[in-house]
C-alpha atoms as a PDB file:
ATOM      1  CA  UNK A   1     -78.609 -17.199 -31.536  1.00  0.00           C
ATOM      2  CA  UNK A   2     -76.532 -16.019 -28.790  1.00  0.00           C
ATOM      3  CA  UNK A   3     -77.757 -13.235 -26.556  1.00  0.00           C
ATOM      4  CA  UNK A   4     -76.143  -9.887 -27.282  1.00  0.00           C
ATOM      5  CA  UNK A   5     -73.664  -8.560 -24.731  1.00  0.00           C
ATOM      6  CA  UNK A   6     -75.492  -5.679 -22.812  1.00  0.00           C
ATOM      7  CA  UNK A   7     -72.370  -3.566 -23.060  1.00  0.00           C
ATOM      8  CA  UNK A   8     -72.316  -3.907 -26.732  1.00  0.00           C
ATOM      9  CA  UNK A   9     -75.990  -2.836 -26.865  1.00  0.00           C
ATOM     10  CA  UNK A  10     -75.435   0.117 -24.786  1.00  0.00           C
ATOM     11  CA  UNK A  11     -72.203   1.141 -26.721  1.00  0.00           C
ATOM     12  CA  UNK A  12     -74.426   0.874 -29.753  1.00  0.00           C
ATOM     13  CA  UNK A  13     -77.076   3.276 -28.267  1.00  0.00           C
ATOM     14  CA  UNK A  14     -74.292   5.690 -27.377  1.00  0.00           C
ATOM     15  CA  UNK A  15     -72.883   5.547 -30.814  1.00  0.00           C
ATOM     16  CA  UNK A  16     -76.185   6.097 -32.485  1.00  0.00           C
ATOM     17  CA  UNK A  17     -77.137   9.063 -30.412  1.00  0.00           C
ATOM     18  CA  UNK A  18     -73.623  10.539 -31.130  1.00  0.00           C
ATOM     19  CA  UNK A  19     -74.377  10.232 -34.767  1.00  0.00           C
ATOM     20  CA  UNK A  20     -78.008  11.500 -34.651  1.00  0.00           C
ATOM     21  CA  UNK A  21     -77.384  14.278 -32.057  1.00  0.00           C
ATOM     22  CA  UNK A  22     -73.645  15.133 -32.270  1.00  0.00           C
ATOM     23  CA  UNK A  23     -74.033  18.490 -30.316  1.00  0.00           C
ATOM     24  CA  UNK A  24     -75.610  16.700 -27.226  1.00  0.00           C
ATOM     25  CA  UNK A  25     -73.293  14.767 -24.767  1.00  0.00           C
ATOM     26  CA  UNK A  26     -74.063  11.106 -24.379  1.00  0.00           C
ATOM     27  CA  UNK A  27     -71.736  10.369 -21.425  1.00  0.00           C
ATOM     28  CA  UNK A  28     -74.766   9.786 -19.232  1.00  0.00           C
ATOM     29  CA  UNK A  29     -76.068   6.748 -21.300  1.00  0.00           C
ATOM     30  CA  UNK A  30     -72.814   4.615 -20.476  1.00  0.00           C
ATOM     31  CA  UNK A  31     -73.371   5.242 -16.807  1.00  0.00           C
ATOM     32  CA  UNK A  32     -77.113   5.607 -16.170  1.00  0.00           C
ATOM     33  CA  UNK A  33     -78.134   2.827 -18.592  1.00  0.00           C
ATOM     34  CA  UNK A  34     -75.727   0.489 -16.931  1.00  0.00           C
ATOM     35  CA  UNK A  35     -76.843   1.347 -13.353  1.00  0.00           C
ATOM     36  CA  UNK A  36     -80.489   0.620 -14.476  1.00  0.00           C
ATOM     37  CA  UNK A  37     -79.374  -2.878 -16.005  1.00  0.00           C
ATOM     38  CA  UNK A  38     -77.377  -3.830 -12.952  1.00  0.00           C
ATOM     39  CA  UNK A  39     -80.004  -2.792 -10.477  1.00  0.00           C
ATOM     40  CA  UNK A  40     -82.557  -4.751 -12.596  1.00  0.00           C
ATOM     41  CA  UNK A  41     -80.211  -7.860 -12.780  1.00  0.00           C
ATOM     42  CA  UNK A  42     -79.230  -7.664  -9.154  1.00  0.00           C
ATOM     43  CA  UNK A  43     -82.938  -7.143  -7.982  1.00  0.00           C
ATOM     44  CA  UNK A  44     -84.362  -9.949 -10.104  1.00  0.00           C
ATOM     45  CA  UNK A  45     -81.541 -12.351  -8.838  1.00  0.00           C
ATOM     46  CA  UNK A  46     -82.099 -11.578  -5.294  1.00  0.00           C
ATOM     47  CA  UNK A  47     -85.761 -11.958  -5.538  1.00  0.00           C
ATOM     48  CA  UNK A  48     -85.396 -15.413  -7.139  1.00  0.00           C
ATOM     49  CA  UNK A  49     -82.785 -16.456  -4.368  1.00  0.00           C
ATOM     50  CA  UNK A  50     -84.968 -15.178  -1.570  1.00  0.00           C
ATOM     51  CA  UNK A  51     -87.949 -17.019  -3.195  1.00  0.00           C
ATOM     52  CA  UNK A  52     -86.111 -20.235  -3.581  1.00  0.00           C
ATOM     53  CA  UNK A  53     -85.336 -20.031   0.271  1.00  0.00           C
ATOM     54  CA  UNK A  54     -89.207 -19.798   0.859  1.00  0.00           C
ATOM     55  CA  UNK A  55     -89.364 -15.841   1.700  1.00  0.00           C
ATOM     56  CA  UNK A  56     -89.828 -12.656  -0.271  1.00  0.00           C
ATOM     57  CA  UNK A  57     -87.613  -9.515  -0.480  1.00  0.00           C
ATOM     58  CA  UNK A  58     -90.195  -7.386   1.482  1.00  0.00           C
ATOM     59  CA  UNK A  59     -89.904  -9.885   4.375  1.00  0.00           C
ATOM     60  CA  UNK A  60     -86.245 -10.200   4.300  1.00  0.00           C
ATOM     61  CA  UNK A  61     -86.117  -6.340   4.442  1.00  0.00           C
ATOM     62  CA  UNK A  62     -88.256  -6.182   7.458  1.00  0.00           C
ATOM     63  CA  UNK A  63     -86.498  -9.007   9.204  1.00  0.00           C
ATOM     64  CA  UNK A  64     -83.028  -7.865   8.401  1.00  0.00           C
ATOM     65  CA  UNK A  65     -83.799  -4.245   9.664  1.00  0.00           C
ATOM     66  CA  UNK A  66     -84.869  -5.805  12.931  1.00  0.00           C
ATOM     67  CA  UNK A  67     -81.832  -8.101  13.126  1.00  0.00           C
ATOM     68  CA  UNK A  68     -79.403  -5.127  12.398  1.00  0.00           C
ATOM     69  CA  UNK A  69     -80.896  -3.175  15.200  1.00  0.00           C
ATOM     70  CA  UNK A  70     -79.113  -5.471  17.759  1.00  0.00           C
ATOM     71  CA  UNK A  71     -80.404  -7.260  20.723  1.00  0.00           C
ATOM     72  CA  UNK A  72     -83.382  -7.386  21.672  1.00  0.00           C
ATOM     73  CA  UNK A  73     -84.199  -6.887  17.869  1.00  0.00           C
ATOM     74  CA  UNK A  74     -87.115  -4.591  18.589  1.00  0.00           C
ATOM     75  CA  UNK A  75     -88.084  -1.405  16.749  1.00  0.00           C
ATOM     76  CA  UNK A  76     -91.178   0.868  16.595  1.00  0.00           C
ATOM     77  CA  UNK A  77     -93.001   0.615  13.282  1.00  0.00           C
ATOM     78  CA  UNK A  78     -92.035   4.378  12.719  1.00  0.00           C
ATOM     79  CA  UNK A  79     -88.386   3.450  13.252  1.00  0.00           C
ATOM     80  CA  UNK A  80     -88.796   0.410  10.914  1.00  0.00           C
ATOM     81  CA  UNK A  81     -90.382   2.515   8.181  1.00  0.00           C
ATOM     82  CA  UNK A  82     -87.483   5.154   8.433  1.00  0.00           C
ATOM     83  CA  UNK A  83     -84.790   2.443   8.376  1.00  0.00           C
ATOM     84  CA  UNK A  84     -86.542   0.683   5.415  1.00  0.00           C
ATOM     85  CA  UNK A  85     -87.171   3.694   3.331  1.00  0.00           C
ATOM     86  CA  UNK A  86     -90.978   2.830   2.834  1.00  0.00           C
ATOM     87  CA  UNK A  87     -94.132   4.037   4.132  1.00  0.00           C
ATOM     88  CA  UNK A  88     -95.784   3.291   7.581  1.00  0.00           C
ATOM     89  CA  UNK A  89     -98.618   1.603   5.659  1.00  0.00           C
ATOM     90  CA  UNK A  90     -96.190  -0.619   3.937  1.00  0.00           C
ATOM     91  CA  UNK A  91     -94.492  -1.509   7.057  1.00  0.00           C
ATOM     92  CA  UNK A  92     -97.992  -2.529   8.777  1.00  0.00           C
ATOM     93  CA  UNK A  93     -98.568  -4.888   5.859  1.00  0.00           C
ATOM     94  CA  UNK A  94     -95.148  -6.516   6.121  1.00  0.00           C
ATOM     95  CA  UNK A  95     -95.540  -6.751   9.931  1.00  0.00           C
ATOM     96  CA  UNK A  96     -98.932  -8.229   9.811  1.00  0.00           C
ATOM     97  CA  UNK A  97     -97.576 -10.984   7.288  1.00  0.00           C
ATOM     98  CA  UNK A  98     -94.594 -11.663   9.529  1.00  0.00           C
ATOM     99  CA  UNK A  99     -96.692 -12.038  12.751  1.00  0.00           C
ATOM    100  CA  UNK A 100     -98.999 -14.606  10.694  1.00  0.00           C
ATOM    101  CA  UNK A 101     -95.747 -16.517   9.917  1.00  0.00           C
ATOM    102  CA  UNK A 102     -94.496 -16.550  13.630  1.00  0.00           C
ATOM    103  CA  UNK A 103     -91.392 -14.439  12.624  1.00  0.00           C
ATOM    104  CA  UNK A 104     -92.163 -11.358  14.705  1.00  0.00           C
ATOM    105  CA  UNK A 105     -94.440 -10.230  17.585  1.00  0.00           C
ATOM    106  CA  UNK A 106     -96.235  -6.887  17.680  1.00  0.00           C
ATOM    107  CA  UNK A 107     -97.026  -5.120  20.906  1.00  0.00           C
ATOM    108  CA  UNK A 108     -98.686  -1.783  21.636  1.00  0.00           C
ATOM    109  CA  UNK A 109     -97.338   0.469  24.321  1.00  0.00           C
ATOM    110  CA  UNK A 110     -99.603   2.207  26.771  1.00  0.00           C
ATOM    111  CA  UNK A 111     -99.961   4.911  24.279  1.00  0.00           C
ATOM    112  CA  UNK A 112    -101.478   2.628  21.604  1.00  0.00           C
ATOM    113  CA  UNK A 113    -100.122   5.025  18.772  1.00  0.00           C
ATOM    114  CA  UNK A 114     -96.739   3.492  19.375  1.00  0.00           C
ATOM    115  CA  UNK A 115     -96.157  -0.251  18.262  1.00  0.00           C
ATOM    116  CA  UNK A 116     -93.057  -2.236  18.864  1.00  0.00           C
ATOM    117  CA  UNK A 117     -92.161  -5.116  16.459  1.00  0.00           C
ATOM    118  CA  UNK A 118     -89.726  -7.734  17.670  1.00  0.00           C
ATOM    119  CA  UNK A 119     -88.012 -10.820  16.118  1.00  0.00           C
ATOM    120  CA  UNK A 120     -88.979 -14.039  17.466  1.00  0.00           C
ATOM    121  CA  UNK A 121     -86.351 -16.758  17.935  1.00  0.00           C
ATOM    122  CA  UNK A 122     -87.708 -18.441  14.734  1.00  0.00           C
ATOM    123  CA  UNK A 123     -87.588 -15.084  12.993  1.00  0.00           C
ATOM    124  CA  UNK A 124     -83.922 -14.498  14.075  1.00  0.00           C
ATOM    125  CA  UNK A 125     -82.812 -17.968  12.893  1.00  0.00           C
ATOM    126  CA  UNK A 126     -84.500 -17.461   9.625  1.00  0.00           C
ATOM    127  CA  UNK A 127     -83.071 -13.957   9.222  1.00  0.00           C
ATOM    128  CA  UNK A 128     -79.503 -15.218   9.819  1.00  0.00           C
ATOM    129  CA  UNK A 129     -80.097 -18.012   7.107  1.00  0.00           C
ATOM    130  CA  UNK A 130     -81.500 -15.706   4.608  1.00  0.00           C
ATOM    131  CA  UNK A 131     -78.731 -12.922   5.140  1.00  0.00           C
ATOM    132  CA  UNK A 132     -76.021 -15.432   5.022  1.00  0.00           C
ATOM    133  CA  UNK A 133     -77.239 -17.032   1.850  1.00  0.00           C
ATOM    134  CA  UNK A 134     -77.791 -13.599   0.018  1.00  0.00           C
ATOM    135  CA  UNK A 135     -74.504 -12.181   1.150  1.00  0.00           C
ATOM    136  CA  UNK A 136     -72.596 -15.180   0.156  1.00  0.00           C
ATOM    137  CA  UNK A 137     -74.323 -15.304  -3.229  1.00  0.00           C
ATOM    138  CA  UNK A 138     -73.965 -11.588  -3.864  1.00  0.00           C
ATOM    139  CA  UNK A 139     -70.300 -11.687  -2.829  1.00  0.00           C
ATOM    140  CA  UNK A 140     -69.652 -14.567  -5.432  1.00  0.00           C
ATOM    141  CA  UNK A 141     -71.371 -12.288  -8.190  1.00  0.00           C
ATOM    142  CA  UNK A 142     -68.589  -9.870  -7.362  1.00  0.00           C
ATOM    143  CA  UNK A 143     -65.710 -12.369  -7.681  1.00  0.00           C
ATOM    144  CA  UNK A 144     -64.578 -10.904 -11.075  1.00  0.00           C
ATOM    145  CA  UNK A 145     -63.919  -7.552  -9.427  1.00  0.00           C
ATOM    146  CA  UNK A 146     -60.655  -7.222  -7.369  1.00  0.00           C
ATOM    147  CA  UNK A 147     -60.970  -6.066  -3.736  1.00  0.00           C
ATOM    148  CA  UNK A 148     -59.340  -2.674  -4.323  1.00  0.00           C
ATOM    149  CA  UNK A 149     -61.636  -2.113  -7.382  1.00  0.00           C
ATOM    150  CA  UNK A 150     -64.725  -3.126  -5.304  1.00  0.00           C
ATOM    151  CA  UNK A 151     -63.774  -0.346  -2.746  1.00  0.00           C
ATOM    152  CA  UNK A 152     -63.275   2.283  -5.375  1.00  0.00           C
ATOM    153  CA  UNK A 153     -66.519   1.271  -6.968  1.00  0.00           C
ATOM    154  CA  UNK A 154     -68.376   1.489  -3.639  1.00  0.00           C
ATOM    155  CA  UNK A 155     -66.784   4.977  -3.104  1.00  0.00           C
ATOM    156  CA  UNK A 156     -67.814   5.983  -6.574  1.00  0.00           C
ATOM    157  CA  UNK A 157     -71.341   4.834  -6.082  1.00  0.00           C
ATOM    158  CA  UNK A 158     -71.500   6.750  -2.795  1.00  0.00           C
ATOM    159  CA  UNK A 159     -70.290   9.821  -4.119  1.00  0.00           C
ATOM    160  CA  UNK A 160     -72.915   9.529  -7.108  1.00  0.00           C
ATOM    161  CA  UNK A 161     -75.809   8.796  -4.774  1.00  0.00           C
ATOM    162  CA  UNK A 162     -74.915  11.675  -2.452  1.00  0.00           C
ATOM    163  CA  UNK A 163     -74.584  13.995  -5.453  1.00  0.00           C
ATOM    164  CA  UNK A 164     -77.963  12.959  -6.943  1.00  0.00           C
ATOM    165  CA  UNK A 165     -79.726  13.111  -3.833  1.00  0.00           C
ATOM    166  CA  UNK A 166     -78.601  16.729  -3.277  1.00  0.00           C
ATOM    167  CA  UNK A 167     -78.778  17.759  -6.948  1.00  0.00           C
ATOM    168  CA  UNK A 168     -82.225  16.467  -7.545  1.00  0.00           C
ATOM    169  CA  UNK A 169     -83.197  17.892  -4.040  1.00  0.00           C
ATOM    170  CA  UNK A 170     -85.391  14.922  -3.496  1.00  0.00           C
ATOM    171  CA  UNK A 171     -87.208  15.816  -0.213  1.00  0.00           C
ATOM    172  CA  UNK A 172     -88.929  12.315  -0.395  1.00  0.00           C
ATOM    173  CA  UNK A 173     -87.124   9.303   0.943  1.00  0.00           C
ATOM    174  CA  UNK A 174     -85.277   7.513  -1.794  1.00  0.00           C
ATOM    175  CA  UNK A 175     -87.074   4.271  -2.492  1.00  0.00           C
ATOM    176  CA  UNK A 176     -86.305   1.052  -4.046  1.00  0.00           C
ATOM    177  CA  UNK A 177     -85.817   0.711  -7.669  1.00  0.00           C
ATOM    178  CA  UNK A 178     -88.938   1.322  -9.711  1.00  0.00           C
ATOM    179  CA  UNK A 179     -90.507   3.242  -6.806  1.00  0.00           C
ATOM    180  CA  UNK A 180     -92.195   6.674  -7.333  1.00  0.00           C
ATOM    181  CA  UNK A 181     -92.640   6.911 -11.021  1.00  0.00           C
ATOM    182  CA  UNK A 182     -95.447   9.511 -10.857  1.00  0.00           C
ATOM    183  CA  UNK A 183     -92.998  12.312 -11.740  1.00  0.00           C
ATOM    184  CA  UNK A 184     -93.058  10.823 -15.380  1.00  0.00           C
ATOM    185  CA  UNK A 185     -96.792  11.198 -15.582  1.00  0.00           C
ATOM    186  CA  UNK A 186     -97.290   7.516 -14.943  1.00  0.00           C
ATOM    187  CA  UNK A 187     -99.877   6.681 -12.282  1.00  0.00           C
ATOM    188  CA  UNK A 188    -100.379   3.381 -10.639  1.00  0.00           C
ATOM    189  CA  UNK A 189    -103.677   1.636 -10.066  1.00  0.00           C
ATOM    190  CA  UNK A 190    -103.584   2.900  -6.560  1.00  0.00           C
ATOM    191  CA  UNK A 191    -103.438   6.418  -7.605  1.00  0.00           C
ATOM    192  CA  UNK A 192    -106.327   6.203 -10.198  1.00  0.00           C
END
């Protein structure tokens, strides 16, 4: 039995809710559900690709943030946390793993509360290889979308992200997909 086209499934959901609740707009289903599905597909695909290259997405995030900062590829842990949209504690764990792998060095300044993290030569080479593989693969995934349409899509998504951040008045940093689900009454094992 062939897998059902996800667009058909979403369209069927829209049609069912239009039938069951005709006075309620179902416009959001076609957008939000597709965005969730796309985020899940792309997130899982990136994780598989990065894993096949011997790394993980958390390490890729740390290394690529340092690499994008420019030579000498050094940032404080606070700047890394801000640029990565994660907590200082999560950065500390990522840095410790990367230090153990020889990908970064960590040095404390005279004020021991400030810690610098810097890519090693090996870390820089691995980052370049990982980022090249990810960007090449993800660009190939978008081959079915014409360049002009890609730009329009990027602009529309940018507008949506700005609108949602402002509308939802989210004073916390926007996290990765699946992050911060406590508003739904769901707590993680860490919270219990």
